[in-house]
Amino acid sequence: MKAVVQRVREARVEIAGEVVGSIGAGLLLLLCAERGDDESHADRLLAKLLKLRIFSDEAGKMNRSVQDVAGGLLIVSQFTLAADLSGGNRPSFGGAAAPEEGRRLYDYFVQQARAAHPVVATGVFAADMQVHLVNDGPVTIPMQIG
């Protein structure tokens, strides 16, 4: 699984002008399931995400996790993270999981996140979404498991 994690002051997802998910301070996670991924990849990514120390402590060092600061998680599916540009200028997405498998793994990841963390919001899988965020720092971290 691939992800891009952004530390945010706030973030929300809109579909057709309606907010479907929002958080205050926390992490925006753009999530992509790739071919060959399974639940163990999702579990490892979630464990790493929840412990990722990218929030500042009293000394201003990135020493705290989203759990330590009681921040929110906004999880958005984004198959375009599997983009392959080796064949030219138009990306190929052949490395992304098939849509039904991607949805299954996304739903599994969200379910596990909700079981492990108190504040979890989401976008809508495969929807045309507009993501609004205030990146804090900015801090943006790519992650890959598998």
N, C-alpha and C. Protein backbone atom coordinates (compact mmCIF):
# COMPACT_ATOMS: atom_id res chain seq x y z
N MET A 1 0.85 -1.18 0.00
CA MET A 1 0.00 0.00 0.00
C MET A 1 0.88 1.23 0.00
N LYS A 2 0.39 2.23 -0.69
CA LYS A 2 1.07 3.52 -0.73
C LYS A 2 0.17 4.55 -0.06
N ALA A 3 0.82 5.53 0.54
CA ALA A 3 0.07 6.62 1.14
C ALA A 3 0.91 7.90 1.11
N VAL A 4 0.21 9.00 1.10
CA VAL A 4 0.83 10.29 1.35
C VAL A 4 0.12 10.84 2.58
N VAL A 5 0.93 11.20 3.57
CA VAL A 5 0.41 11.69 4.85
C VAL A 5 0.73 13.17 4.94
N GLN A 6 -0.27 13.96 5.26
CA GLN A 6 -0.06 15.39 5.45
C GLN A 6 -0.54 15.77 6.84
N ARG A 7 0.36 16.45 7.57
CA ARG A 7 -0.04 17.00 8.87
C ARG A 7 -0.86 18.24 8.58
N VAL A 8 -2.06 18.31 9.12
CA VAL A 8 -2.97 19.41 8.80
C VAL A 8 -3.49 20.10 10.05
N ARG A 9 -3.83 21.34 9.88
CA ARG A 9 -4.54 22.08 10.93
C ARG A 9 -6.03 21.80 10.82
N GLU A 10 -6.46 21.55 9.57
CA GLU A 10 -7.84 21.15 9.31
C GLU A 10 -7.90 20.59 7.89
N ALA A 11 -8.87 19.74 7.65
CA ALA A 11 -9.06 19.18 6.31
C ALA A 11 -10.50 18.72 6.17
N ARG A 12 -10.97 18.76 4.92
CA ARG A 12 -12.32 18.27 4.65
C ARG A 12 -12.40 17.76 3.22
N VAL A 13 -13.37 16.90 2.99
CA VAL A 13 -13.65 16.36 1.66
C VAL A 13 -15.07 16.76 1.30
N GLU A 14 -15.20 17.29 0.10
CA GLU A 14 -16.52 17.67 -0.41
C GLU A 14 -16.83 16.87 -1.67
N ILE A 15 -18.09 16.56 -1.83
CA ILE A 15 -18.61 15.96 -3.06
C ILE A 15 -19.81 16.78 -3.47
N ALA A 16 -19.74 17.35 -4.66
CA ALA A 16 -20.82 18.20 -5.19
C ALA A 16 -21.19 19.31 -4.20
N GLY A 17 -20.19 19.89 -3.55
CA GLY A 17 -20.41 21.00 -2.63
C GLY A 17 -20.82 20.60 -1.23
N GLU A 18 -21.00 19.30 -0.98
CA GLU A 18 -21.40 18.83 0.35
C GLU A 18 -20.21 18.21 1.06
N VAL A 19 -19.99 18.62 2.31
CA VAL A 19 -18.91 18.05 3.11
C VAL A 19 -19.29 16.64 3.53
N VAL A 20 -18.44 15.67 3.18
CA VAL A 20 -18.70 14.27 3.55
C VAL A 20 -17.76 13.78 4.64
N GLY A 21 -16.68 14.50 4.89
CA GLY A 21 -15.75 14.13 5.95
C GLY A 21 -14.88 15.32 6.29
N SER A 22 -14.63 15.53 7.59
CA SER A 22 -13.77 16.64 7.98
C SER A 22 -13.13 16.35 9.33
N ILE A 23 -11.96 16.97 9.52
CA ILE A 23 -11.26 16.89 10.80
C ILE A 23 -10.68 18.26 11.12
N GLY A 24 -10.34 18.46 12.37
CA GLY A 24 -9.53 19.61 12.78
C GLY A 24 -8.08 19.20 12.61
N ALA A 25 -7.26 19.53 13.58
CA ALA A 25 -5.84 19.18 13.51
C ALA A 25 -5.68 17.66 13.49
N GLY A 26 -4.73 17.20 12.68
CA GLY A 26 -4.48 15.76 12.59
C GLY A 26 -3.76 15.41 11.32
N LEU A 27 -4.14 14.28 10.73
CA LEU A 27 -3.48 13.77 9.54
C LEU A 27 -4.49 13.52 8.43
N LEU A 28 -4.15 14.01 7.25
CA LEU A 28 -4.87 13.66 6.03
C LEU A 28 -4.08 12.55 5.38
N LEU A 29 -4.72 11.44 5.11
CA LEU A 29 -4.07 10.28 4.51
C LEU A 29 -4.69 10.02 3.14
N LEU A 30 -3.87 10.15 2.09
CA LEU A 30 -4.27 9.75 0.75
C LEU A 30 -3.78 8.33 0.58
N LEU A 31 -4.68 7.39 0.33
CA LEU A 31 -4.38 5.96 0.43
C LEU A 31 -4.62 5.24 -0.89
N CYS A 32 -3.65 4.40 -1.27
CA CYS A 32 -3.74 3.63 -2.51
C CYS A 32 -3.41 2.16 -2.24
N ALA A 33 -4.33 1.29 -2.58
CA ALA A 33 -4.06 -0.15 -2.55
C ALA A 33 -3.48 -0.54 -3.89
N GLU A 34 -2.40 -1.32 -3.86
CA GLU A 34 -1.75 -1.77 -5.09
C GLU A 34 -1.99 -3.26 -5.28
N ARG A 35 -1.75 -3.72 -6.51
CA ARG A 35 -1.89 -5.14 -6.81
C ARG A 35 -0.99 -5.94 -5.86
N GLY A 36 -1.52 -7.00 -5.30
CA GLY A 36 -0.76 -7.83 -4.39
C GLY A 36 -0.89 -7.43 -2.93
N ASP A 37 -1.49 -6.27 -2.64
CA ASP A 37 -1.68 -5.87 -1.25
C ASP A 37 -2.76 -6.72 -0.60
N ASP A 38 -2.65 -6.86 0.71
CA ASP A 38 -3.67 -7.58 1.47
C ASP A 38 -3.82 -6.93 2.84
N GLU A 39 -4.59 -7.55 3.71
CA GLU A 39 -4.88 -6.98 5.01
C GLU A 39 -3.62 -6.75 5.84
N SER A 40 -2.62 -7.61 5.68
CA SER A 40 -1.39 -7.43 6.47
C SER A 40 -0.69 -6.13 6.08
N HIS A 41 -0.75 -5.74 4.81
CA HIS A 41 -0.17 -4.47 4.39
C HIS A 41 -0.93 -3.30 5.04
N ALA A 42 -2.25 -3.40 5.03
CA ALA A 42 -3.08 -2.36 5.64
C ALA A 42 -2.79 -2.26 7.13
N ASP A 43 -2.69 -3.39 7.81
CA ASP A 43 -2.43 -3.39 9.25
C ASP A 43 -1.08 -2.74 9.56
N ARG A 44 -0.06 -3.07 8.78
CA ARG A 44 1.27 -2.51 9.03
C ARG A 44 1.30 -1.01 8.74
N LEU A 45 0.64 -0.59 7.68
CA LEU A 45 0.59 0.83 7.36
C LEU A 45 -0.13 1.61 8.46
N LEU A 46 -1.25 1.10 8.92
CA LEU A 46 -2.00 1.77 9.98
C LEU A 46 -1.18 1.86 11.26
N ALA A 47 -0.52 0.78 11.64
CA ALA A 47 0.30 0.79 12.86
C ALA A 47 1.40 1.84 12.75
N LYS A 48 2.04 1.92 11.60
CA LYS A 48 3.10 2.91 11.37
C LYS A 48 2.53 4.32 11.42
N LEU A 49 1.38 4.51 10.77
CA LEU A 49 0.75 5.82 10.72
C LEU A 49 0.40 6.33 12.12
N LEU A 50 -0.19 5.49 12.93
CA LEU A 50 -0.62 5.91 14.26
C LEU A 50 0.54 6.25 15.18
N LYS A 51 1.70 5.70 14.91
CA LYS A 51 2.89 5.94 15.74
C LYS A 51 3.85 6.97 15.12
N LEU A 52 3.56 7.42 13.90
CA LEU A 52 4.43 8.34 13.18
C LEU A 52 4.57 9.64 13.96
N ARG A 53 5.80 9.96 14.37
CA ARG A 53 6.04 11.12 15.23
C ARG A 53 6.35 12.35 14.36
N ILE A 54 5.27 13.05 13.98
CA ILE A 54 5.44 14.23 13.15
C ILE A 54 4.74 15.46 13.72
N PHE A 55 4.32 15.37 14.98
CA PHE A 55 3.75 16.53 15.67
C PHE A 55 4.77 17.04 16.68
N SER A 56 4.81 18.34 16.85
CA SER A 56 5.83 18.96 17.70
C SER A 56 5.56 18.77 19.19
N ASP A 57 6.65 18.60 19.93
CA ASP A 57 6.58 18.58 21.38
C ASP A 57 6.83 20.00 21.90
N GLU A 58 6.99 20.15 23.22
CA GLU A 58 7.20 21.47 23.81
C GLU A 58 8.46 22.15 23.28
N ALA A 59 9.46 21.38 22.88
CA ALA A 59 10.72 21.94 22.37
C ALA A 59 10.67 22.22 20.87
N GLY A 60 9.53 21.95 20.24
CA GLY A 60 9.41 22.18 18.82
C GLY A 60 9.94 21.05 17.95
N LYS A 61 10.32 19.93 18.56
CA LYS A 61 10.81 18.77 17.80
C LYS A 61 9.64 17.87 17.43
N MET A 62 9.73 17.26 16.26
CA MET A 62 8.68 16.32 15.85
C MET A 62 8.86 15.03 16.66
N ASN A 63 8.13 14.93 17.74
CA ASN A 63 8.28 13.84 18.69
C ASN A 63 6.95 13.20 19.09
N ARG A 64 5.85 13.71 18.58
CA ARG A 64 4.54 13.21 19.00
C ARG A 64 3.78 12.63 17.81
N SER A 65 2.98 11.62 18.10
CA SER A 65 2.15 10.98 17.08
C SER A 65 0.75 11.59 17.09
N VAL A 66 -0.05 11.21 16.11
CA VAL A 66 -1.43 11.65 16.06
C VAL A 66 -2.19 11.15 17.29
N GLN A 67 -1.81 10.00 17.80
CA GLN A 67 -2.43 9.49 19.02
C GLN A 67 -2.03 10.34 20.22
N ASP A 68 -0.76 10.74 20.27
CA ASP A 68 -0.28 11.55 21.39
C ASP A 68 -1.00 12.89 21.47
N VAL A 69 -1.34 13.48 20.32
CA VAL A 69 -1.97 14.80 20.31
C VAL A 69 -3.49 14.72 20.16
N ALA A 70 -4.04 13.50 20.14
CA ALA A 70 -5.49 13.28 19.98
C ALA A 70 -6.01 13.98 18.73
N GLY A 71 -5.25 13.86 17.64
CA GLY A 71 -5.65 14.46 16.37
C GLY A 71 -6.58 13.55 15.59
N GLY A 72 -7.17 14.10 14.56
CA GLY A 72 -8.08 13.34 13.71
C GLY A 72 -7.34 12.69 12.55
N LEU A 73 -8.01 11.73 11.94
CA LEU A 73 -7.55 11.10 10.70
C LEU A 73 -8.63 11.32 9.64
N LEU A 74 -8.21 11.82 8.49
CA LEU A 74 -9.11 11.91 7.34
C LEU A 74 -8.51 11.03 6.27
N ILE A 75 -9.20 9.94 5.94
CA ILE A 75 -8.68 8.92 5.02
C ILE A 75 -9.41 9.04 3.69
N VAL A 76 -8.61 9.26 2.63
CA VAL A 76 -9.16 9.47 1.29
C VAL A 76 -8.52 8.48 0.34
N SER A 77 -9.34 7.74 -0.40
CA SER A 77 -8.80 6.80 -1.39
C SER A 77 -8.22 7.59 -2.57
N GLN A 78 -7.06 7.14 -3.06
CA GLN A 78 -6.45 7.83 -4.19
C GLN A 78 -5.59 6.86 -5.00
N PHE A 79 -6.23 6.21 -5.98
CA PHE A 79 -5.54 5.22 -6.80
C PHE A 79 -4.42 5.84 -7.63
N THR A 80 -4.46 7.16 -7.84
CA THR A 80 -3.44 7.80 -8.67
C THR A 80 -2.05 7.76 -8.05
N LEU A 81 -1.94 7.38 -6.78
CA LEU A 81 -0.62 7.21 -6.16
C LEU A 81 0.13 6.05 -6.82
N ALA A 82 -0.57 5.19 -7.54
CA ALA A 82 0.06 4.07 -8.22
C ALA A 82 0.54 4.45 -9.62
N ALA A 83 0.53 5.74 -9.93
CA ALA A 83 0.90 6.21 -11.27
C ALA A 83 2.30 5.75 -11.68
N ASP A 84 2.39 5.28 -12.91
CA ASP A 84 3.67 4.89 -13.51
C ASP A 84 3.89 5.78 -14.72
N LEU A 85 4.98 6.53 -14.71
CA LEU A 85 5.29 7.45 -15.80
C LEU A 85 6.43 6.97 -16.67
N SER A 86 6.82 5.72 -16.51
CA SER A 86 7.98 5.21 -17.25
C SER A 86 7.73 5.09 -18.75
N GLY A 87 6.46 5.03 -19.15
CA GLY A 87 6.15 4.85 -20.56
C GLY A 87 5.87 6.13 -21.31
N GLY A 88 5.98 7.26 -20.66
CA GLY A 88 5.71 8.52 -21.34
C GLY A 88 5.14 9.55 -20.40
N ASN A 89 4.34 10.45 -20.96
CA ASN A 89 3.81 11.55 -20.17
C ASN A 89 2.40 11.31 -19.64
N ARG A 90 1.75 10.28 -20.14
CA ARG A 90 0.41 9.95 -19.64
C ARG A 90 0.57 8.82 -18.64
N PRO A 91 0.16 9.04 -17.38
CA PRO A 91 0.36 8.00 -16.37
C PRO A 91 -0.44 6.73 -16.65
N SER A 92 0.16 5.62 -16.29
CA SER A 92 -0.51 4.32 -16.30
C SER A 92 -0.81 3.97 -14.86
N PHE A 93 -1.96 3.38 -14.62
CA PHE A 93 -2.35 3.02 -13.26
C PHE A 93 -2.49 1.52 -13.09
N GLY A 94 -1.78 0.76 -13.92
CA GLY A 94 -1.85 -0.70 -13.88
C GLY A 94 -1.38 -1.30 -12.57
N GLY A 95 -0.60 -0.57 -11.80
CA GLY A 95 -0.13 -1.08 -10.51
C GLY A 95 -1.14 -0.96 -9.40
N ALA A 96 -2.20 -0.20 -9.62
CA ALA A 96 -3.25 -0.06 -8.60
C ALA A 96 -4.05 -1.35 -8.52
N ALA A 97 -4.55 -1.63 -7.35
CA ALA A 97 -5.43 -2.79 -7.18
C ALA A 97 -6.68 -2.60 -8.06
N ALA A 98 -7.26 -3.69 -8.51
CA ALA A 98 -8.52 -3.63 -9.23
C ALA A 98 -9.55 -2.91 -8.35
N PRO A 99 -10.50 -2.19 -8.95
CA PRO A 99 -11.43 -1.39 -8.16
C PRO A 99 -12.11 -2.13 -7.01
N GLU A 100 -12.59 -3.34 -7.25
CA GLU A 100 -13.28 -4.06 -6.18
C GLU A 100 -12.33 -4.44 -5.05
N GLU A 101 -11.10 -4.79 -5.39
CA GLU A 101 -10.09 -5.12 -4.37
C GLU A 101 -9.63 -3.86 -3.65
N GLY A 102 -9.47 -2.78 -4.40
CA GLY A 102 -9.10 -1.50 -3.79
C GLY A 102 -10.15 -1.04 -2.79
N ARG A 103 -11.42 -1.17 -3.17
CA ARG A 103 -12.50 -0.79 -2.24
C ARG A 103 -12.50 -1.67 -1.00
N ARG A 104 -12.31 -2.96 -1.20
CA ARG A 104 -12.29 -3.88 -0.05
C ARG A 104 -11.18 -3.52 0.92
N LEU A 105 -9.98 -3.26 0.39
CA LEU A 105 -8.84 -2.93 1.26
C LEU A 105 -9.00 -1.54 1.89
N TYR A 106 -9.55 -0.60 1.15
CA TYR A 106 -9.83 0.73 1.70
C TYR A 106 -10.82 0.60 2.86
N ASP A 107 -11.92 -0.11 2.63
CA ASP A 107 -12.93 -0.29 3.69
C ASP A 107 -12.33 -0.99 4.90
N TYR A 108 -11.49 -1.99 4.66
CA TYR A 108 -10.82 -2.69 5.75
C TYR A 108 -9.93 -1.72 6.54
N PHE A 109 -9.14 -0.92 5.83
CA PHE A 109 -8.25 0.03 6.49
C PHE A 109 -9.06 1.00 7.35
N VAL A 110 -10.15 1.54 6.81
CA VAL A 110 -10.99 2.48 7.56
C VAL A 110 -11.57 1.80 8.79
N GLN A 111 -12.06 0.56 8.64
CA GLN A 111 -12.63 -0.17 9.77
C GLN A 111 -11.58 -0.36 10.87
N GLN A 112 -10.37 -0.74 10.50
CA GLN A 112 -9.30 -0.94 11.47
C GLN A 112 -8.90 0.39 12.11
N ALA A 113 -8.87 1.46 11.33
CA ALA A 113 -8.53 2.78 11.87
C ALA A 113 -9.56 3.21 12.90
N ARG A 114 -10.84 2.98 12.60
CA ARG A 114 -11.90 3.37 13.54
C ARG A 114 -11.85 2.55 14.82
N ALA A 115 -11.39 1.32 14.72
CA ALA A 115 -11.25 0.48 15.92
C ALA A 115 -10.07 0.91 16.77
N ALA A 116 -9.07 1.55 16.15
CA ALA A 116 -7.83 1.89 16.86
C ALA A 116 -7.72 3.36 17.25
N HIS A 117 -8.53 4.22 16.65
CA HIS A 117 -8.37 5.67 16.85
C HIS A 117 -9.75 6.32 16.98
N PRO A 118 -9.91 7.27 17.90
CA PRO A 118 -11.25 7.80 18.16
C PRO A 118 -11.82 8.75 17.12
N VAL A 119 -10.99 9.44 16.33
CA VAL A 119 -11.51 10.43 15.39
C VAL A 119 -11.06 10.04 13.98
N VAL A 120 -11.98 9.46 13.21
CA VAL A 120 -11.68 9.04 11.84
C VAL A 120 -12.82 9.50 10.93
N ALA A 121 -12.45 10.26 9.90
CA ALA A 121 -13.40 10.67 8.87
C ALA A 121 -12.88 10.15 7.54
N THR A 122 -13.74 10.12 6.53
CA THR A 122 -13.33 9.58 5.23
C THR A 122 -13.93 10.38 4.09
N GLY A 123 -13.37 10.11 2.93
CA GLY A 123 -13.99 10.51 1.68
C GLY A 123 -14.91 9.37 1.26
N VAL A 124 -15.24 9.32 -0.03
CA VAL A 124 -16.07 8.26 -0.58
C VAL A 124 -15.28 7.57 -1.68
N PHE A 125 -15.10 6.28 -1.57
CA PHE A 125 -14.30 5.54 -2.52
C PHE A 125 -14.81 5.76 -3.94
N ALA A 126 -13.90 6.08 -4.85
CA ALA A 126 -14.15 6.24 -6.29
C ALA A 126 -15.02 7.44 -6.65
N ALA A 127 -15.29 8.31 -5.68
CA ALA A 127 -16.09 9.50 -5.98
C ALA A 127 -15.19 10.61 -6.52
N ASP A 128 -15.80 11.57 -7.19
CA ASP A 128 -15.11 12.78 -7.61
C ASP A 128 -15.13 13.73 -6.41
N MET A 129 -14.00 13.81 -5.72
CA MET A 129 -13.92 14.55 -4.46
C MET A 129 -13.06 15.79 -4.60
N GLN A 130 -13.38 16.79 -3.81
CA GLN A 130 -12.54 17.96 -3.67
C GLN A 130 -12.02 17.93 -2.23
N VAL A 131 -10.70 17.92 -2.10
CA VAL A 131 -10.07 17.84 -0.79
C VAL A 131 -9.50 19.21 -0.45
N HIS A 132 -9.93 19.74 0.67
CA HIS A 132 -9.47 21.04 1.15
C HIS A 132 -8.65 20.80 2.41
N LEU A 133 -7.49 21.46 2.49
CA LEU A 133 -6.67 21.27 3.67
C LEU A 133 -5.81 22.48 3.94
N VAL A 134 -5.44 22.61 5.19
CA VAL A 134 -4.42 23.55 5.59
C VAL A 134 -3.28 22.70 6.09
N ASN A 135 -2.24 22.57 5.25
CA ASN A 135 -1.08 21.74 5.58
C ASN A 135 -0.29 22.48 6.65
N ASP A 136 0.00 21.80 7.73
CA ASP A 136 0.68 22.39 8.89
C ASP A 136 2.17 22.12 8.79
N GLY A 137 2.94 23.15 8.53
CA GLY A 137 4.40 23.01 8.47
C GLY A 137 5.01 23.67 7.26
N PRO A 138 4.81 23.20 6.07
CA PRO A 138 4.09 21.98 5.69
C PRO A 138 4.88 20.72 6.01
N VAL A 139 4.16 19.70 6.40
CA VAL A 139 4.74 18.38 6.62
C VAL A 139 3.97 17.39 5.76
N THR A 140 4.68 16.79 4.81
CA THR A 140 4.10 15.80 3.90
C THR A 140 5.06 14.63 3.82
N ILE A 141 4.57 13.44 4.14
CA ILE A 141 5.41 12.24 4.23
C ILE A 141 4.85 11.15 3.32
N PRO A 142 5.64 10.66 2.36
CA PRO A 142 5.20 9.48 1.58
C PRO A 142 5.47 8.21 2.38
N MET A 143 4.57 7.26 2.29
CA MET A 143 4.74 5.98 2.99
C MET A 143 4.44 4.85 2.01
N GLN A 144 5.15 3.73 2.17
CA GLN A 144 4.85 2.56 1.35
C GLN A 144 5.12 1.31 2.18
N ILE A 145 4.18 0.40 2.17
CA ILE A 145 4.28 -0.89 2.85
C ILE A 145 4.05 -1.95 1.79
N GLY A 146 4.95 -2.89 1.71
CA GLY A 146 4.73 -3.99 0.78
C GLY A 146 5.71 -4.05 -0.35
